[in-house]
Amino acid sequence: MTCSPVWSYIAQDNIEAADRVEAQIYAACGFLASAPQAGHVRRDLTARPVCFWTVPRFPNYFIVYDPASSPLRIIRILHGALDIPRYLTE
């Protein structure tokens, strides 16, 4: 199993914290798979037909996903300090 970039970055300083963040991201993705309309559109960040969901307990992380896809397609998992529009145009 490969490590996610989020986990790898956090684990440089604290493996336990990386595990906690990753677990919350996976839980949030599982929730969104069962309730894809729970997120919200952010026209200020992208014109793409995607939704955003803030990861509970770690509100600096956003899950960007396609609510119309089945199975749910996660587009990106981003930290709020990043230039989010830039990562959504790639």
N, C-alpha and C. Protein backbone atom coordinates (compact mmCIF):
# COMPACT_ATOMS: atom_id res chain seq x y z
N MET A 1 0.84 -1.17 0.00
CA MET A 1 0.00 0.00 0.00
C MET A 1 0.89 1.24 0.00
N THR A 2 0.56 2.19 -0.87
CA THR A 2 1.33 3.42 -0.92
C THR A 2 0.71 4.45 0.01
N CYS A 3 1.53 5.34 0.48
CA CYS A 3 1.07 6.40 1.38
C CYS A 3 0.55 7.57 0.56
N SER A 4 -0.47 8.22 1.09
CA SER A 4 -0.99 9.40 0.41
C SER A 4 -0.01 10.55 0.59
N PRO A 5 -0.02 11.52 -0.32
CA PRO A 5 0.85 12.69 -0.16
C PRO A 5 0.55 13.45 1.13
N VAL A 6 -0.71 13.52 1.52
CA VAL A 6 -1.07 14.21 2.76
C VAL A 6 -0.42 13.49 3.94
N TRP A 7 -0.59 12.18 3.99
CA TRP A 7 -0.01 11.40 5.09
C TRP A 7 1.51 11.57 5.12
N SER A 8 2.14 11.43 3.97
CA SER A 8 3.60 11.54 3.90
C SER A 8 4.10 12.89 4.40
N TYR A 9 3.41 13.94 4.02
CA TYR A 9 3.83 15.28 4.44
C TYR A 9 3.72 15.44 5.96
N ILE A 10 2.57 15.06 6.51
CA ILE A 10 2.36 15.21 7.95
C ILE A 10 3.27 14.27 8.73
N ALA A 11 3.48 13.07 8.23
CA ALA A 11 4.28 12.06 8.93
C ALA A 11 5.74 12.46 9.08
N GLN A 12 6.21 13.40 8.28
CA GLN A 12 7.57 13.89 8.45
C GLN A 12 7.78 14.44 9.85
N ASP A 13 6.71 15.00 10.42
CA ASP A 13 6.79 15.57 11.77
C ASP A 13 6.14 14.70 12.83
N ASN A 14 5.06 13.98 12.44
CA ASN A 14 4.28 13.25 13.45
C ASN A 14 3.45 12.16 12.79
N ILE A 15 3.88 10.93 12.92
CA ILE A 15 3.19 9.80 12.29
C ILE A 15 1.79 9.62 12.85
N GLU A 16 1.64 9.78 14.17
CA GLU A 16 0.31 9.60 14.77
C GLU A 16 -0.67 10.65 14.25
N ALA A 17 -0.22 11.88 14.11
CA ALA A 17 -1.08 12.93 13.55
C ALA A 17 -1.44 12.62 12.11
N ALA A 18 -0.48 12.11 11.35
CA ALA A 18 -0.75 11.73 9.96
C ALA A 18 -1.82 10.64 9.91
N ASP A 19 -1.73 9.69 10.81
CA ASP A 19 -2.74 8.62 10.87
C ASP A 19 -4.12 9.18 11.18
N ARG A 20 -4.19 10.13 12.12
CA ARG A 20 -5.48 10.72 12.49
C ARG A 20 -6.10 11.50 11.33
N VAL A 21 -5.29 12.30 10.66
CA VAL A 21 -5.80 13.08 9.53
C VAL A 21 -6.27 12.15 8.42
N GLU A 22 -5.46 11.16 8.10
CA GLU A 22 -5.83 10.23 7.04
C GLU A 22 -7.12 9.48 7.37
N ALA A 23 -7.28 9.06 8.62
CA ALA A 23 -8.50 8.35 9.02
C ALA A 23 -9.72 9.24 8.85
N GLN A 24 -9.60 10.52 9.20
CA GLN A 24 -10.73 11.44 9.05
C GLN A 24 -11.04 11.70 7.57
N ILE A 25 -10.01 11.76 6.75
CA ILE A 25 -10.23 11.95 5.30
C ILE A 25 -10.96 10.74 4.73
N TYR A 26 -10.53 9.54 5.09
CA TYR A 26 -11.21 8.33 4.60
C TYR A 26 -12.65 8.28 5.09
N ALA A 27 -12.88 8.65 6.35
CA ALA A 27 -14.24 8.65 6.89
C ALA A 27 -15.11 9.66 6.15
N ALA A 28 -14.57 10.84 5.87
CA ALA A 28 -15.32 11.86 5.14
C ALA A 28 -15.65 11.39 3.72
N CYS A 29 -14.70 10.73 3.07
CA CYS A 29 -14.96 10.21 1.72
C CYS A 29 -16.05 9.14 1.76
N GLY A 30 -16.03 8.30 2.78
CA GLY A 30 -17.08 7.29 2.93
C GLY A 30 -18.43 7.94 3.13
N PHE A 31 -18.49 8.98 3.95
CA PHE A 31 -19.74 9.70 4.15
C PHE A 31 -20.23 10.30 2.84
N LEU A 32 -19.34 10.95 2.10
CA LEU A 32 -19.73 11.58 0.84
C LEU A 32 -20.21 10.57 -0.19
N ALA A 33 -19.66 9.38 -0.17
CA ALA A 33 -20.11 8.34 -1.10
C ALA A 33 -21.58 8.00 -0.86
N SER A 34 -22.01 8.11 0.39
CA SER A 34 -23.41 7.80 0.70
C SER A 34 -24.30 9.05 0.66
N ALA A 35 -23.71 10.23 0.67
CA ALA A 35 -24.48 11.48 0.66
C ALA A 35 -23.77 12.52 -0.21
N PRO A 36 -23.69 12.29 -1.52
CA PRO A 36 -22.89 13.16 -2.37
C PRO A 36 -23.40 14.60 -2.47
N GLN A 37 -24.64 14.84 -2.13
CA GLN A 37 -25.17 16.20 -2.19
C GLN A 37 -24.87 17.01 -0.92
N ALA A 38 -24.15 16.43 0.02
CA ALA A 38 -23.85 17.10 1.28
C ALA A 38 -22.89 18.27 1.13
N GLY A 39 -22.05 18.23 0.12
CA GLY A 39 -21.06 19.28 -0.07
C GLY A 39 -21.65 20.54 -0.64
N HIS A 40 -20.80 21.49 -0.91
CA HIS A 40 -21.26 22.76 -1.45
C HIS A 40 -20.40 23.19 -2.63
N VAL A 41 -21.00 23.96 -3.51
CA VAL A 41 -20.34 24.49 -4.69
C VAL A 41 -19.55 25.72 -4.27
N ARG A 42 -18.40 25.92 -4.88
CA ARG A 42 -17.57 27.11 -4.59
C ARG A 42 -17.23 27.79 -5.92
N ARG A 43 -18.15 28.57 -6.43
CA ARG A 43 -17.93 29.27 -7.69
C ARG A 43 -16.78 30.28 -7.59
N ASP A 44 -16.44 30.69 -6.36
CA ASP A 44 -15.32 31.60 -6.18
C ASP A 44 -13.98 30.90 -6.41
N LEU A 45 -13.99 29.57 -6.40
CA LEU A 45 -12.76 28.80 -6.57
C LEU A 45 -12.66 28.09 -7.91
N THR A 46 -13.81 27.71 -8.49
CA THR A 46 -13.79 26.99 -9.76
C THR A 46 -15.17 27.02 -10.42
N ALA A 47 -15.16 27.00 -11.73
CA ALA A 47 -16.42 26.90 -12.48
C ALA A 47 -16.75 25.44 -12.77
N ARG A 48 -15.86 24.54 -12.42
CA ARG A 48 -16.09 23.11 -12.66
C ARG A 48 -17.29 22.63 -11.84
N PRO A 49 -18.01 21.62 -12.32
CA PRO A 49 -19.18 21.11 -11.60
C PRO A 49 -18.77 20.16 -10.47
N VAL A 50 -18.08 20.70 -9.49
CA VAL A 50 -17.60 19.91 -8.36
C VAL A 50 -18.16 20.49 -7.06
N CYS A 51 -18.10 19.68 -6.02
CA CYS A 51 -18.50 20.12 -4.69
C CYS A 51 -17.30 20.03 -3.75
N PHE A 52 -17.40 20.75 -2.67
CA PHE A 52 -16.35 20.80 -1.65
C PHE A 52 -16.92 20.31 -0.33
N TRP A 53 -16.10 19.60 0.42
CA TRP A 53 -16.47 19.15 1.76
C TRP A 53 -15.26 19.37 2.66
N THR A 54 -15.51 20.02 3.78
CA THR A 54 -14.45 20.24 4.77
C THR A 54 -14.33 19.01 5.64
N VAL A 55 -13.13 18.55 5.85
CA VAL A 55 -12.90 17.34 6.65
C VAL A 55 -13.16 17.67 8.13
N PRO A 56 -14.13 16.98 8.75
CA PRO A 56 -14.40 17.24 10.16
C PRO A 56 -13.14 17.02 11.01
N ARG A 57 -12.98 17.83 12.03
CA ARG A 57 -11.84 17.82 12.95
C ARG A 57 -10.56 18.36 12.33
N PHE A 58 -10.51 18.46 11.01
CA PHE A 58 -9.33 19.01 10.33
C PHE A 58 -9.81 19.96 9.25
N PRO A 59 -10.38 21.11 9.64
CA PRO A 59 -11.05 22.01 8.68
C PRO A 59 -10.12 22.70 7.68
N ASN A 60 -8.83 22.49 7.80
CA ASN A 60 -7.93 23.03 6.78
C ASN A 60 -7.88 22.17 5.53
N TYR A 61 -8.48 20.98 5.59
CA TYR A 61 -8.47 20.07 4.44
C TYR A 61 -9.83 20.04 3.78
N PHE A 62 -9.81 20.11 2.45
CA PHE A 62 -11.02 20.07 1.65
C PHE A 62 -10.99 18.87 0.73
N ILE A 63 -12.13 18.21 0.61
CA ILE A 63 -12.29 17.15 -0.38
C ILE A 63 -13.07 17.77 -1.53
N VAL A 64 -12.52 17.68 -2.71
CA VAL A 64 -13.16 18.19 -3.92
C VAL A 64 -13.61 16.96 -4.70
N TYR A 65 -14.89 16.92 -5.05
CA TYR A 65 -15.42 15.70 -5.67
C TYR A 65 -16.51 16.02 -6.68
N ASP A 66 -16.80 15.05 -7.52
CA ASP A 66 -17.86 15.16 -8.52
C ASP A 66 -19.12 14.52 -7.96
N PRO A 67 -20.12 15.31 -7.57
CA PRO A 67 -21.31 14.75 -6.93
C PRO A 67 -22.19 13.94 -7.88
N ALA A 68 -21.98 14.10 -9.19
CA ALA A 68 -22.80 13.37 -10.16
C ALA A 68 -22.20 12.01 -10.52
N SER A 69 -21.01 11.73 -10.07
CA SER A 69 -20.35 10.47 -10.45
C SER A 69 -20.83 9.31 -9.58
N SER A 70 -20.81 8.16 -10.17
CA SER A 70 -21.16 6.93 -9.44
C SER A 70 -20.29 5.80 -9.97
N PRO A 71 -19.39 5.29 -9.17
CA PRO A 71 -19.11 5.65 -7.78
C PRO A 71 -18.53 7.06 -7.69
N LEU A 72 -18.58 7.61 -6.50
CA LEU A 72 -18.14 8.97 -6.27
C LEU A 72 -16.68 9.13 -6.69
N ARG A 73 -16.42 10.18 -7.43
CA ARG A 73 -15.05 10.46 -7.90
C ARG A 73 -14.48 11.62 -7.09
N ILE A 74 -13.43 11.33 -6.35
CA ILE A 74 -12.71 12.36 -5.61
C ILE A 74 -11.73 13.01 -6.58
N ILE A 75 -11.84 14.31 -6.74
CA ILE A 75 -10.98 15.04 -7.67
C ILE A 75 -9.64 15.38 -7.01
N ARG A 76 -9.72 15.95 -5.83
CA ARG A 76 -8.53 16.35 -5.09
C ARG A 76 -8.83 16.40 -3.60
N ILE A 77 -7.79 16.26 -2.82
CA ILE A 77 -7.85 16.55 -1.38
C ILE A 77 -6.79 17.62 -1.18
N LEU A 78 -7.24 18.79 -0.74
CA LEU A 78 -6.36 19.95 -0.71
C LEU A 78 -6.33 20.61 0.67
N HIS A 79 -5.20 21.19 0.99
CA HIS A 79 -5.07 21.99 2.20
C HIS A 79 -5.49 23.41 1.85
N GLY A 80 -6.20 24.06 2.75
CA GLY A 80 -6.70 25.40 2.51
C GLY A 80 -5.64 26.45 2.26
N ALA A 81 -4.41 26.21 2.66
CA ALA A 81 -3.33 27.18 2.44
C ALA A 81 -2.82 27.16 1.00
N LEU A 82 -3.22 26.15 0.24
CA LEU A 82 -2.78 26.06 -1.15
C LEU A 82 -3.57 27.02 -2.05
N ASP A 83 -3.04 27.25 -3.22
CA ASP A 83 -3.74 28.03 -4.23
C ASP A 83 -4.76 27.09 -4.89
N ILE A 84 -5.92 26.98 -4.27
CA ILE A 84 -6.90 25.97 -4.68
C ILE A 84 -7.32 26.12 -6.14
N PRO A 85 -7.63 27.32 -6.65
CA PRO A 85 -7.99 27.41 -8.07
C PRO A 85 -6.91 26.84 -8.99
N ARG A 86 -5.66 27.04 -8.64
CA ARG A 86 -4.56 26.52 -9.48
C ARG A 86 -4.63 24.98 -9.57
N TYR A 87 -4.91 24.33 -8.45
CA TYR A 87 -4.95 22.88 -8.44
C TYR A 87 -6.19 22.32 -9.12
N LEU A 88 -7.19 23.14 -9.32
CA LEU A 88 -8.41 22.67 -9.98
C LEU A 88 -8.44 22.97 -11.47
N THR A 89 -7.40 23.61 -11.98
CA THR A 89 -7.32 23.86 -13.42
C THR A 89 -6.34 22.91 -14.08
N GLU A 90 -5.60 22.15 -13.29
CA GLU A 90 -4.61 21.21 -13.85
C GLU A 90 -5.29 20.02 -14.44
